[in-house]
Amino acid sequence: MTGPERVGAVEGQEPLPFPDSPGGLPPVPGAPVLELRGVTVRYGSVPALDRVSLRMHPGTVTCLLGENGAGKSTVVQVVSGVRRHDEGELLVDGRPVRFRRPRQARSRGIATIWQDLAVIPLMTVWRNFWLGDEPTRGIWPFRRIDVDVARDGAARALARVGLPGLNVNQPAASLAPGQRHSLAVARALHFGAKVLVVDEPAAPLTVAQHALVLRTVVGARDAGLAVLFVTSTPAYAHLVGDRFVLLAGGRVAADLTREDVDVDGLTRLVSGGEALATLTAELRRRPDPLVT
């Protein structure tokens, strides 16, 4: 990745930075790479998120859990630039940002793998890997895609996320959901993402495909990325997560580490039992500790 994308460019002039981007300022020392601070999102008068705060640091996996309608998808939309928050702050490297569209989030190093694992079905795997950023050879107007370099680069990137020997010349439509997930992760790693948002695939996965997804999450963490893993399965979350943020009714009902809870306790909380109800009620009686 070559740095933040620019808008307002005029031929022969230096393009201007996004108005709401940090503008090339250095990261705040010790700041989380991505942070939500008291973020509220409303649809009409109904809050989809209500003063949600979370912090993500490089080399960690933060698992976002909760029942359907808890607000998980809205969090993904906010950090991915699909939906602007109404209140609170979204910070990248300690600097406030306000994304207007997804490409601005991508330009800040935030890569999102969506539930539908969208690919261009009739394109080959290697073309889907590069998607407009193919390596080229020659000079204009005779520049062309360097097919050998593109195929080899895609194959090596896929091998790094657990798909050695995958035929990159096959149509992307032939990939299983777990393989499509790995393709998206490989692309994010290759193009220099520093935050990886993984929305649990909507398509049913086999145990082996789930294992492939979890391996790519761990691989991204080990590569130094901050990973937000959105899942409804506590057992899978506990296998890879360093921190567990539980949403209930659009609010943070619990923010726990691996030392705080085992897999059985996490399962009970996510299932919406008495413990989660108690935590939610307690949360509503006191102010958010992350909002100043």
Protein backbone atom coordinates (compact mmCIF):
# COMPACT_ATOMS: atom_id res chain seq x y z
CA MET A 1 0.00 0.00 0.00
CA THR A 2 1.45 3.36 -0.94
CA GLY A 3 -0.22 5.52 1.70
CA PRO A 4 -3.49 7.41 2.00
CA GLU A 5 -5.48 7.84 -1.17
CA ARG A 6 -6.08 11.41 -2.27
CA VAL A 7 -8.95 13.40 -3.66
CA GLY A 8 -9.28 16.69 -5.47
CA ALA A 9 -6.27 16.09 -7.70
CA VAL A 10 -5.65 18.38 -10.64
CA GLU A 11 -3.24 17.40 -13.38
CA GLY A 12 0.19 18.85 -12.64
CA GLN A 13 -0.64 19.64 -9.00
CA GLU A 14 -0.13 17.78 -5.73
CA PRO A 15 -3.45 16.17 -4.75
CA LEU A 16 -5.02 17.22 -1.48
CA PRO A 17 -5.51 14.84 1.46
CA PHE A 18 -8.94 13.71 2.49
CA PRO A 19 -10.45 16.51 4.59
CA ASP A 20 -11.25 14.18 7.47
CA SER A 21 -8.07 12.13 7.43
CA PRO A 22 -5.20 12.64 9.86
CA GLY A 23 -3.37 14.26 6.96
CA GLY A 24 -0.15 12.31 7.25
CA LEU A 25 0.43 13.13 10.93
CA PRO A 26 2.56 10.59 12.81
CA PRO A 27 0.81 8.09 15.08
CA VAL A 28 0.28 9.13 18.69
CA PRO A 29 2.87 7.15 20.72
CA GLY A 30 1.27 4.21 22.51
CA ALA A 31 -2.15 4.80 20.96
CA PRO A 32 -4.28 1.89 19.73
CA VAL A 33 -4.06 1.36 15.99
CA LEU A 34 -7.88 1.56 15.87
CA GLU A 35 -10.23 2.85 18.54
CA LEU A 36 -13.93 3.52 18.96
CA ARG A 37 -14.58 6.00 21.74
CA GLY A 38 -18.19 6.39 22.83
CA VAL A 39 -19.53 5.77 19.31
CA THR A 40 -23.27 6.10 18.77
CA VAL A 41 -25.12 5.29 15.55
CA ARG A 42 -28.83 5.96 15.18
CA TYR A 43 -31.37 4.88 12.61
CA GLY A 44 -34.05 7.48 13.16
CA SER A 45 -34.59 7.57 16.91
CA VAL A 46 -33.38 3.99 17.43
CA PRO A 47 -29.73 3.60 18.48
CA ALA A 48 -28.02 0.71 16.70
CA LEU A 49 -24.91 1.51 18.76
CA ASP A 50 -25.01 3.37 22.05
CA ARG A 51 -21.68 4.79 23.32
CA VAL A 52 -19.64 1.79 22.16
CA SER A 53 -15.92 1.87 22.96
CA LEU A 54 -13.20 -0.60 22.05
CA ARG A 55 -9.47 -0.50 21.44
CA MET A 56 -7.35 -2.58 19.09
CA HIS A 57 -3.58 -2.98 19.19
CA PRO A 58 -1.17 -4.54 16.67
CA GLY A 59 -0.63 -8.27 17.05
CA THR A 60 -3.89 -8.93 18.90
CA VAL A 61 -7.24 -10.49 18.01
CA THR A 62 -10.33 -8.75 19.38
CA CYS A 63 -13.44 -10.91 19.06
CA LEU A 64 -16.75 -9.09 18.73
CA LEU A 65 -19.65 -11.26 19.87
CA GLY A 66 -23.38 -10.92 20.48
CA GLU A 67 -26.78 -12.09 19.32
CA ASN A 68 -28.32 -11.03 16.01
CA GLY A 69 -29.26 -7.37 16.25
CA ALA A 70 -26.72 -6.64 18.98
CA GLY A 71 -24.87 -4.14 16.75
CA LYS A 72 -21.95 -6.18 15.44
CA SER A 73 -22.62 -5.36 11.78
CA THR A 74 -22.93 -1.66 12.57
CA VAL A 75 -19.50 -1.67 14.20
CA VAL A 76 -18.08 -3.28 11.05
CA GLN A 77 -19.78 -0.66 8.87
CA VAL A 78 -18.39 2.22 10.94
CA VAL A 79 -14.77 1.07 10.95
CA SER A 80 -14.99 0.11 7.24
CA GLY A 81 -16.30 3.48 6.09
CA VAL A 82 -19.76 2.26 5.07
CA ARG A 83 -21.67 4.10 7.81
CA ARG A 84 -20.71 7.34 9.54
CA HIS A 85 -21.16 7.49 13.30
CA ASP A 86 -23.46 10.12 14.77
CA GLU A 87 -21.63 10.71 18.05
CA GLY A 88 -18.31 9.78 19.60
CA GLU A 89 -14.94 9.34 17.91
CA LEU A 90 -13.28 6.89 15.55
CA LEU A 91 -9.49 7.08 15.83
CA VAL A 92 -6.70 5.58 13.73
CA ASP A 93 -3.26 5.64 15.35
CA GLY A 94 -4.69 8.00 17.97
CA ARG A 95 -5.92 10.56 15.39
CA PRO A 96 -9.66 11.19 14.89
CA VAL A 97 -11.02 10.25 11.46
CA ARG A 98 -14.46 10.38 9.89
CA PHE A 99 -14.67 8.14 6.85
CA ARG A 100 -17.12 9.06 4.10
CA ARG A 101 -16.67 5.91 2.04
CA PRO A 102 -14.89 2.54 2.20
CA ARG A 103 -11.91 3.53 0.07
CA GLN A 104 -10.92 6.05 2.75
CA ALA A 105 -10.86 3.30 5.36
CA ARG A 106 -8.78 1.12 3.04
CA SER A 107 -6.36 3.98 2.46
CA ARG A 108 -5.80 4.13 6.24
CA GLY A 109 -4.87 0.44 6.28
CA ILE A 110 -8.22 -1.03 7.31
CA ALA A 111 -9.11 -4.12 5.27
CA THR A 112 -12.53 -5.74 5.69
CA ILE A 113 -13.55 -9.26 4.77
CA TRP A 114 -17.31 -9.20 4.40
CA GLN A 115 -19.76 -11.99 5.16
CA ASP A 116 -20.55 -12.70 1.52
CA LEU A 117 -16.85 -13.17 0.62
CA ALA A 118 -17.52 -11.50 -2.69
CA VAL A 119 -15.36 -12.42 -5.66
CA ILE A 120 -15.71 -11.89 -9.38
CA PRO A 121 -16.77 -15.46 -10.24
CA LEU A 122 -15.57 -15.74 -13.84
CA MET A 123 -12.18 -14.19 -13.15
CA THR A 124 -9.30 -16.42 -12.18
CA VAL A 125 -8.02 -16.58 -8.62
CA TRP A 126 -4.93 -14.55 -9.46
CA ARG A 127 -6.95 -11.80 -11.15
CA ASN A 128 -9.21 -11.61 -8.08
CA PHE A 129 -6.11 -11.37 -5.91
CA TRP A 130 -4.77 -8.30 -7.73
CA LEU A 131 -8.06 -6.65 -8.81
CA GLY A 132 -6.67 -3.70 -10.71
CA ASP A 133 -3.24 -3.57 -9.03
CA GLU A 134 -1.60 -6.13 -11.29
CA PRO A 135 2.17 -5.93 -11.79
CA THR A 136 3.01 -4.65 -15.26
CA ARG A 137 5.92 -4.62 -17.66
CA GLY A 138 6.93 -2.36 -20.50
CA ILE A 139 6.39 1.37 -20.92
CA TRP A 140 3.33 3.36 -21.85
CA PRO A 141 1.55 2.90 -24.27
CA PHE A 142 2.88 -0.65 -24.48
CA ARG A 143 2.57 -1.51 -20.79
CA ARG A 144 0.85 -4.82 -20.10
CA ILE A 145 0.19 -7.15 -17.21
CA ASP A 146 3.16 -9.29 -16.26
CA VAL A 147 1.16 -12.49 -16.05
CA ASP A 148 3.98 -14.71 -14.79
CA VAL A 149 4.84 -12.34 -11.94
CA ALA A 150 1.16 -11.87 -11.08
CA ARG A 151 0.47 -15.61 -10.95
CA ASP A 152 3.60 -16.35 -8.93
CA GLY A 153 2.92 -13.50 -6.51
CA ALA A 154 -0.65 -14.62 -5.91
CA ALA A 155 0.42 -18.24 -5.38
CA ARG A 156 3.09 -17.27 -2.84
CA ALA A 157 0.70 -14.99 -0.95
CA LEU A 158 -1.93 -17.74 -0.78
CA ALA A 159 0.65 -20.26 0.41
CA ARG A 160 1.46 -17.95 3.33
CA VAL A 161 -2.14 -18.13 4.55
CA GLY A 162 -2.44 -21.89 4.34
CA LEU A 163 -3.23 -22.60 0.68
CA PRO A 164 0.00 -23.96 -0.82
CA GLY A 165 -0.36 -25.44 -4.27
CA LEU A 166 -3.71 -23.80 -5.01
CA ASN A 167 -4.31 -23.51 -8.75
CA VAL A 168 -4.47 -19.73 -9.23
CA ASN A 169 -5.65 -20.17 -12.84
CA GLN A 170 -9.01 -21.66 -11.82
CA PRO A 171 -12.12 -19.45 -11.72
CA ALA A 172 -12.75 -17.88 -8.32
CA ALA A 173 -16.27 -19.33 -8.39
CA SER A 174 -14.77 -22.78 -7.87
CA LEU A 175 -13.29 -21.87 -4.48
CA ALA A 176 -14.90 -23.10 -1.29
CA PRO A 177 -15.98 -20.40 1.22
CA GLY A 178 -12.96 -21.05 3.43
CA GLN A 179 -10.65 -20.65 0.44
CA ARG A 180 -12.37 -17.40 -0.57
CA HIS A 181 -11.77 -16.15 2.95
CA SER A 182 -8.07 -17.00 2.68
CA LEU A 183 -7.90 -15.22 -0.68
CA ALA A 184 -9.25 -12.04 0.94
CA VAL A 185 -6.82 -12.30 3.87
CA ALA A 186 -3.87 -12.93 1.56
CA ARG A 187 -4.76 -9.82 -0.45
CA ALA A 188 -5.06 -7.69 2.69
CA LEU A 189 -1.68 -8.85 3.97
CA HIS A 190 0.00 -8.34 0.62
CA PHE A 191 -1.24 -4.77 0.21
CA GLY A 192 -0.09 -3.66 3.64
CA ALA A 193 -3.21 -3.60 5.81
CA LYS A 194 -2.58 -2.89 9.49
CA VAL A 195 -6.12 -3.62 10.67
CA LEU A 196 -8.05 -6.67 9.46
CA VAL A 197 -11.80 -6.80 10.07
CA VAL A 198 -13.12 -10.33 9.63
CA ASP A 199 -16.90 -10.62 9.45
CA GLU A 200 -17.83 -14.25 9.97
CA PRO A 201 -18.79 -15.85 6.63
CA ALA A 202 -22.53 -16.12 6.08
CA ALA A 203 -22.18 -19.31 4.05
CA PRO A 204 -22.16 -22.60 6.03
CA LEU A 205 -18.63 -23.87 6.60
CA THR A 206 -17.32 -27.33 7.32
CA VAL A 207 -15.08 -27.86 10.34
CA ALA A 208 -12.06 -27.93 8.01
CA GLN A 209 -13.12 -24.64 6.43
CA HIS A 210 -13.62 -23.08 9.86
CA ALA A 211 -10.13 -24.25 10.75
CA LEU A 212 -8.78 -22.52 7.65
CA VAL A 213 -10.53 -19.27 8.62
CA LEU A 214 -9.09 -19.45 12.14
CA ARG A 215 -5.59 -20.16 10.83
CA THR A 216 -5.74 -17.07 8.63
CA VAL A 217 -6.90 -14.97 11.61
CA VAL A 218 -3.96 -16.24 13.68
CA GLY A 219 -1.61 -15.71 10.73
CA ALA A 220 -2.72 -12.09 10.41
CA ARG A 221 -2.20 -11.56 14.14
CA ASP A 222 1.25 -13.13 13.98
CA ALA A 223 2.09 -10.82 11.08
CA GLY A 224 1.48 -7.88 13.42
CA LEU A 225 -2.02 -6.86 12.34
CA ALA A 226 -4.77 -5.81 14.71
CA VAL A 227 -7.63 -8.21 13.95
CA LEU A 228 -11.32 -7.64 14.69
CA PHE A 229 -12.98 -11.06 14.41
CA VAL A 230 -16.78 -10.83 14.33
CA THR A 231 -18.34 -14.17 15.21
CA SER A 232 -21.33 -15.72 16.89
CA THR A 233 -19.44 -18.86 17.94
CA PRO A 234 -17.77 -18.54 21.37
CA ALA A 235 -15.74 -21.74 20.96
CA TYR A 236 -14.05 -20.43 17.81
CA ALA A 237 -13.58 -16.99 19.36
CA HIS A 238 -11.82 -18.43 22.41
CA LEU A 239 -9.45 -20.44 20.24
CA VAL A 240 -7.96 -17.33 18.62
CA GLY A 241 -9.03 -14.30 20.65
CA ASP A 242 -6.96 -12.17 23.00
CA ARG A 243 -9.91 -9.96 24.00
CA PHE A 244 -13.67 -10.51 23.85
CA VAL A 245 -16.13 -7.64 23.48
CA LEU A 246 -19.77 -8.64 23.91
CA LEU A 247 -22.54 -6.44 22.56
CA ALA A 248 -26.12 -6.46 23.83
CA GLY A 249 -28.73 -4.02 22.61
CA GLY A 250 -26.12 -1.87 20.89
CA ARG A 251 -24.00 -1.44 24.02
CA VAL A 252 -20.85 -3.09 25.35
CA ALA A 253 -22.07 -5.64 27.89
CA ALA A 254 -18.64 -7.09 28.64
CA ASP A 255 -14.99 -6.47 27.70
CA LEU A 256 -12.90 -9.46 28.75
CA THR A 257 -9.49 -11.03 28.18
CA ARG A 258 -8.54 -14.70 27.97
CA GLU A 259 -7.47 -14.49 31.61
CA ASP A 260 -10.94 -13.26 32.58
CA VAL A 261 -13.05 -16.02 31.08
CA ASP A 262 -12.79 -19.59 29.85
CA VAL A 263 -14.66 -20.98 26.87
CA ASP A 264 -17.58 -22.23 28.98
CA GLY A 265 -18.00 -18.87 30.66
CA LEU A 266 -17.82 -17.10 27.33
CA THR A 267 -20.46 -19.43 25.91
CA ARG A 268 -22.80 -18.69 28.82
CA LEU A 269 -22.36 -14.95 28.35
CA VAL A 270 -22.95 -15.03 24.60
CA SER A 271 -26.02 -17.21 25.01
CA GLY A 272 -27.71 -14.28 26.73
CA GLY A 273 -28.13 -15.91 30.10
CA GLU A 274 -28.51 -14.31 33.49
CA ALA A 275 -24.87 -13.26 33.67
CA LEU A 276 -25.12 -11.17 30.50
CA ALA A 277 -28.36 -9.57 31.67
CA THR A 278 -26.70 -8.63 34.97
CA LEU A 279 -23.71 -7.12 33.18
CA THR A 280 -25.95 -5.15 30.85
CA ALA A 281 -28.02 -3.76 33.73
CA GLU A 282 -24.87 -2.77 35.60
CA LEU A 283 -23.48 -1.07 32.50
CA ARG A 284 -26.62 1.03 32.11
CA ARG A 285 -26.29 2.32 35.69
CA ARG A 286 -22.83 3.79 35.22
CA PRO A 287 -21.07 5.97 32.62
CA ASP A 288 -18.81 4.51 29.98
CA PRO A 289 -15.30 4.42 31.53
CA LEU A 290 -13.65 5.10 28.16
CA VAL A 291 -15.57 8.31 27.50
CA THR A 292 -14.13 11.47 29.04
